[in-house]
Amino acid sequence: MGCCITIPFIVFVIIAILIALIAFAAHLAWTILPLIIIIALIAFIYKAIKGN
């Protein structure tokens, strides 16, 4: 009886942790991605101006 409850519980916990990690990673991506794009654009413009 204990075994039948424990295994699905462990699986549920693992799935919940994975979902939380994916959600956290997605949130980080939405926060960091615009910063990376802005930094890349600034670096590109800076190189273009300095190159000429």
PDB file of N, CA and C in Angstrom:
ATOM      1  N   MET A   1       0.841  -1.206   0.000  1.00  0.00           N
ATOM      2  CA  MET A   1       0.000   0.000   0.000  1.00  0.00           C
ATOM      3  C   MET A   1       0.879   1.261   0.000  1.00  0.00           C
ATOM      4  N   GLY A   2       1.872   1.301   0.879  1.00  0.00           N
ATOM      5  CA  GLY A   2       2.766   2.455   0.939  1.00  0.00           C
ATOM      6  C   GLY A   2       3.494   2.679  -0.375  1.00  0.00           C
ATOM      7  N   CYS A   3       3.881   1.573  -1.018  1.00  0.00           N
ATOM      8  CA  CYS A   3       4.597   1.640  -2.290  1.00  0.00           C
ATOM      9  C   CYS A   3       3.714   2.250  -3.376  1.00  0.00           C
ATOM     10  N   CYS A   4       2.451   1.878  -3.386  1.00  0.00           N
ATOM     11  CA  CYS A   4       1.521   2.357  -4.410  1.00  0.00           C
ATOM     12  C   CYS A   4       1.281   3.869  -4.302  1.00  0.00           C
ATOM     13  N   ILE A   5       1.415   4.420  -3.099  1.00  0.00           N
ATOM     14  CA  ILE A   5       1.225   5.861  -2.896  1.00  0.00           C
ATOM     15  C   ILE A   5       2.535   6.617  -3.158  1.00  0.00           C
ATOM     16  N   THR A   6       3.652   6.016  -2.757  1.00  0.00           N
ATOM     17  CA  THR A   6       4.944   6.703  -2.821  1.00  0.00           C
ATOM     18  C   THR A   6       5.389   6.970  -4.256  1.00  0.00           C
ATOM     19  N   ILE A   7       5.309   5.968  -5.142  1.00  0.00           N
ATOM     20  CA  ILE A   7       5.823   6.107  -6.513  1.00  0.00           C
ATOM     21  C   ILE A   7       5.086   7.210  -7.290  1.00  0.00           C
ATOM     22  N   PRO A   8       3.746   7.219  -7.325  1.00  0.00           N
ATOM     23  CA  PRO A   8       3.071   8.315  -8.034  1.00  0.00           C
ATOM     24  C   PRO A   8       3.381   9.687  -7.427  1.00  0.00           C
ATOM     25  N   PHE A   9       3.573   9.726  -6.108  1.00  0.00           N
ATOM     26  CA  PHE A   9       3.907  10.983  -5.429  1.00  0.00           C
ATOM     27  C   PHE A   9       5.271  11.497  -5.881  1.00  0.00           C
ATOM     28  N   ILE A  10       6.264  10.586  -5.963  1.00  0.00           N
ATOM     29  CA  ILE A  10       7.609  10.949  -6.422  1.00  0.00           C
ATOM     30  C   ILE A  10       7.546  11.451  -7.866  1.00  0.00           C
ATOM     31  N   VAL A  11       6.801  10.744  -8.713  1.00  0.00           N
ATOM     32  CA  VAL A  11       6.647  11.144 -10.120  1.00  0.00           C
ATOM     33  C   VAL A  11       6.005  12.531 -10.195  1.00  0.00           C
ATOM     34  N   PHE A  12       4.966  12.756  -9.396  1.00  0.00           N
ATOM     35  CA  PHE A  12       4.278  14.050  -9.360  1.00  0.00           C
ATOM     36  C   PHE A  12       5.234  15.171  -8.941  1.00  0.00           C
ATOM     37  N   VAL A  13       6.044  14.906  -7.908  1.00  0.00           N
ATOM     38  CA  VAL A  13       7.012  15.900  -7.426  1.00  0.00           C
ATOM     39  C   VAL A  13       8.027  16.225  -8.514  1.00  0.00           C
ATOM     40  N   ILE A  14       8.552  15.204  -9.193  1.00  0.00           N
ATOM     41  CA  ILE A  14       9.532  15.408 -10.272  1.00  0.00           C
ATOM     42  C   ILE A  14       8.917  16.249 -11.391  1.00  0.00           C
ATOM     43  N   ILE A  15       7.686  15.916 -11.799  1.00  0.00           N
ATOM     44  CA  ILE A  15       6.996  16.665 -12.861  1.00  0.00           C
ATOM     45  C   ILE A  15       6.774  18.116 -12.419  1.00  0.00           C
ATOM     46  N   ALA A  16       6.343  18.307 -11.172  1.00  0.00           N
ATOM     47  CA  ALA A  16       6.106  19.661 -10.653  1.00  0.00           C
ATOM     48  C   ALA A  16       7.393  20.486 -10.656  1.00  0.00           C
ATOM     49  N   ILE A  17       8.510  19.879 -10.262  1.00  0.00           N
ATOM     50  CA  ILE A  17       9.808  20.565 -10.259  1.00  0.00           C
ATOM     51  C   ILE A  17      10.213  20.927 -11.686  1.00  0.00           C
ATOM     52  N   LEU A  18      10.040  20.000 -12.630  1.00  0.00           N
ATOM     53  CA  LEU A  18      10.374  20.267 -14.034  1.00  0.00           C
ATOM     54  C   LEU A  18       9.550  21.427 -14.579  1.00  0.00           C
ATOM     55  N   ILE A  19       8.239  21.433 -14.299  1.00  0.00           N
ATOM     56  CA  ILE A  19       7.357  22.514 -14.760  1.00  0.00           C
ATOM     57  C   ILE A  19       7.807  23.847 -14.160  1.00  0.00           C
ATOM     58  N   ALA A  20       8.143  23.837 -12.876  1.00  0.00           N
ATOM     59  CA  ALA A  20       8.608  25.059 -12.212  1.00  0.00           C
ATOM     60  C   ALA A  20       9.909  25.562 -12.832  1.00  0.00           C
ATOM     61  N   LEU A  21      10.837  24.652 -13.123  1.00  0.00           N
ATOM     62  CA  LEU A  21      12.108  25.031 -13.750  1.00  0.00           C
ATOM     63  C   LEU A  21      11.887  25.613 -15.140  1.00  0.00           C
ATOM     64  N   ILE A  22      10.997  24.980 -15.935  1.00  0.00           N
ATOM     65  CA  ILE A  22      10.696  25.467 -17.287  1.00  0.00           C
ATOM     66  C   ILE A  22      10.064  26.861 -17.214  1.00  0.00           C
ATOM     67  N   ALA A  23       9.115  27.038 -16.289  1.00  0.00           N
ATOM     68  CA  ALA A  23       8.458  28.342 -16.122  1.00  0.00           C
ATOM     69  C   ALA A  23       9.474  29.405 -15.697  1.00  0.00           C
ATOM     70  N   PHE A  24      10.375  29.048 -14.785  1.00  0.00           N
ATOM     71  CA  PHE A  24      11.407  29.975 -14.315  1.00  0.00           C
ATOM     72  C   PHE A  24      12.367  30.335 -15.445  1.00  0.00           C
ATOM     73  N   ALA A  25      12.766  29.325 -16.236  1.00  0.00           N
ATOM     74  CA  ALA A  25      13.659  29.555 -17.372  1.00  0.00           C
ATOM     75  C   ALA A  25      12.995  30.462 -18.409  1.00  0.00           C
ATOM     76  N   ALA A  26      11.694  30.242 -18.666  1.00  0.00           N
ATOM     77  CA  ALA A  26      10.956  31.077 -19.616  1.00  0.00           C
ATOM     78  C   ALA A  26      10.885  32.517 -19.108  1.00  0.00           C
ATOM     79  N   HIS A  27      10.642  32.683 -17.811  1.00  0.00           N
ATOM     80  CA  HIS A  27      10.586  34.022 -17.209  1.00  0.00           C
ATOM     81  C   HIS A  27      11.946  34.718 -17.330  1.00  0.00           C
ATOM     82  N   LEU A  28      13.019  33.975 -17.055  1.00  0.00           N
ATOM     83  CA  LEU A  28      14.368  34.524 -17.187  1.00  0.00           C
ATOM     84  C   LEU A  28      14.654  34.908 -18.633  1.00  0.00           C
ATOM     85  N   ALA A  29      14.232  34.059 -19.574  1.00  0.00           N
ATOM     86  CA  ALA A  29      14.460  34.334 -20.990  1.00  0.00           C
ATOM     87  C   ALA A  29      13.779  35.635 -21.406  1.00  0.00           C
ATOM     88  N   TRP A  30      12.538  35.838 -20.975  1.00  0.00           N
ATOM     89  CA  TRP A  30      11.805  37.072 -21.308  1.00  0.00           C
ATOM     90  C   TRP A  30      12.438  38.287 -20.655  1.00  0.00           C
ATOM     91  N   THR A  31      13.125  38.094 -19.522  1.00  0.00           N
ATOM     92  CA  THR A  31      13.781  39.209 -18.836  1.00  0.00           C
ATOM     93  C   THR A  31      15.141  39.509 -19.466  1.00  0.00           C
ATOM     94  N   ILE A  32      15.905  38.450 -19.764  1.00  0.00           N
ATOM     95  CA  ILE A  32      17.288  38.597 -20.226  1.00  0.00           C
ATOM     96  C   ILE A  32      17.364  38.833 -21.736  1.00  0.00           C
ATOM     97  N   LEU A  33      16.485  38.199 -22.505  1.00  0.00           N
ATOM     98  CA  LEU A  33      16.547  38.282 -23.966  1.00  0.00           C
ATOM     99  C   LEU A  33      16.516  39.718 -24.479  1.00  0.00           C
ATOM    100  N   PRO A  34      15.580  40.574 -24.032  1.00  0.00           N
ATOM    101  CA  PRO A  34      15.606  41.972 -24.502  1.00  0.00           C
ATOM    102  C   PRO A  34      16.909  42.684 -24.151  1.00  0.00           C
ATOM    103  N   LEU A  35      17.468  42.392 -22.976  1.00  0.00           N
ATOM    104  CA  LEU A  35      18.748  42.985 -22.576  1.00  0.00           C
ATOM    105  C   LEU A  35      19.862  42.552 -23.518  1.00  0.00           C
ATOM    106  N   ILE A  36      19.895  41.258 -23.870  1.00  0.00           N
ATOM    107  CA  ILE A  36      20.909  40.729 -24.789  1.00  0.00           C
ATOM    108  C   ILE A  36      20.771  41.392 -26.155  1.00  0.00           C
ATOM    109  N   ILE A  37      19.521  41.535 -26.642  1.00  0.00           N
ATOM    110  CA  ILE A  37      19.266  42.158 -27.946  1.00  0.00           C
ATOM    111  C   ILE A  37      19.724  43.617 -27.926  1.00  0.00           C
ATOM    112  N   ILE A  38      19.399  44.344 -26.859  1.00  0.00           N
ATOM    113  CA  ILE A  38      19.798  45.758 -26.737  1.00  0.00           C
ATOM    114  C   ILE A  38      21.322  45.881 -26.705  1.00  0.00           C
ATOM    115  N   ILE A  39      21.983  45.037 -25.917  1.00  0.00           N
ATOM    116  CA  ILE A  39      23.448  45.064 -25.817  1.00  0.00           C
ATOM    117  C   ILE A  39      24.075  44.737 -27.172  1.00  0.00           C
ATOM    118  N   ALA A  40      23.527  43.746 -27.874  1.00  0.00           N
ATOM    119  CA  ALA A  40      24.036  43.369 -29.194  1.00  0.00           C
ATOM    120  C   ALA A  40      23.880  44.517 -30.188  1.00  0.00           C
ATOM    121  N   LEU A  41      22.726  45.191 -30.158  1.00  0.00           N
ATOM    122  CA  LEU A  41      22.490  46.335 -31.047  1.00  0.00           C
ATOM    123  C   LEU A  41      23.461  47.472 -30.746  1.00  0.00           C
ATOM    124  N   ILE A  42      23.648  47.779 -29.462  1.00  0.00           N
ATOM    125  CA  ILE A  42      24.580  48.847 -29.065  1.00  0.00           C
ATOM    126  C   ILE A  42      25.997  48.504 -29.525  1.00  0.00           C
ATOM    127  N   ALA A  43      26.418  47.256 -29.318  1.00  0.00           N
ATOM    128  CA  ALA A  43      27.747  46.815 -29.734  1.00  0.00           C
ATOM    129  C   ALA A  43      27.898  46.902 -31.251  1.00  0.00           C
ATOM    130  N   PHE A  44      26.858  46.504 -31.986  1.00  0.00           N
ATOM    131  CA  PHE A  44      26.877  46.544 -33.453  1.00  0.00           C
ATOM    132  C   PHE A  44      26.990  47.981 -33.951  1.00  0.00           C
ATOM    133  N   ILE A  45      26.187  48.887 -33.378  1.00  0.00           N
ATOM    134  CA  ILE A  45      26.213  50.307 -33.764  1.00  0.00           C
ATOM    135  C   ILE A  45      27.573  50.920 -33.417  1.00  0.00           C
ATOM    136  N   TYR A  46      28.084  50.586 -32.238  1.00  0.00           N
ATOM    137  CA  TYR A  46      29.388  51.099 -31.796  1.00  0.00           C
ATOM    138  C   TYR A  46      30.499  50.672 -32.752  1.00  0.00           C
ATOM    139  N   LYS A  47      30.476  49.384 -33.161  1.00  0.00           N
ATOM    140  CA  LYS A  47      31.474  48.872 -34.105  1.00  0.00           C
ATOM    141  C   LYS A  47      31.326  49.543 -35.464  1.00  0.00           C
ATOM    142  N   ALA A  48      30.076  49.759 -35.897  1.00  0.00           N
ATOM    143  CA  ALA A  48      29.820  50.388 -37.196  1.00  0.00           C
ATOM    144  C   ALA A  48      30.335  51.829 -37.210  1.00  0.00           C
ATOM    145  N   ILE A  49      30.111  52.556 -36.109  1.00  0.00           N
ATOM    146  CA  ILE A  49      30.567  53.952 -36.016  1.00  0.00           C
ATOM    147  C   ILE A  49      32.094  54.002 -35.919  1.00  0.00           C
ATOM    148  N   LYS A  50      32.671  53.143 -35.099  1.00  0.00           N
ATOM    149  CA  LYS A  50      34.114  53.150 -34.886  1.00  0.00           C
ATOM    150  C   LYS A  50      34.853  52.638 -36.132  1.00  0.00           C
ATOM    151  N   GLY A  51      34.207  51.731 -36.867  1.00  0.00           N
ATOM    152  CA  GLY A  51      34.828  51.151 -38.060  1.00  0.00           C
ATOM    153  C   GLY A  51      34.995  52.164 -39.185  1.00  0.00           C
ATOM    154  N   ASN A  52      34.066  53.108 -39.314  1.00  0.00           N
ATOM    155  CA  ASN A  52      34.114  54.071 -40.428  1.00  0.00           C
ATOM    156  C   ASN A  52      35.069  55.224 -40.143  1.00  0.00           C
TER     157      ASN A  52
END
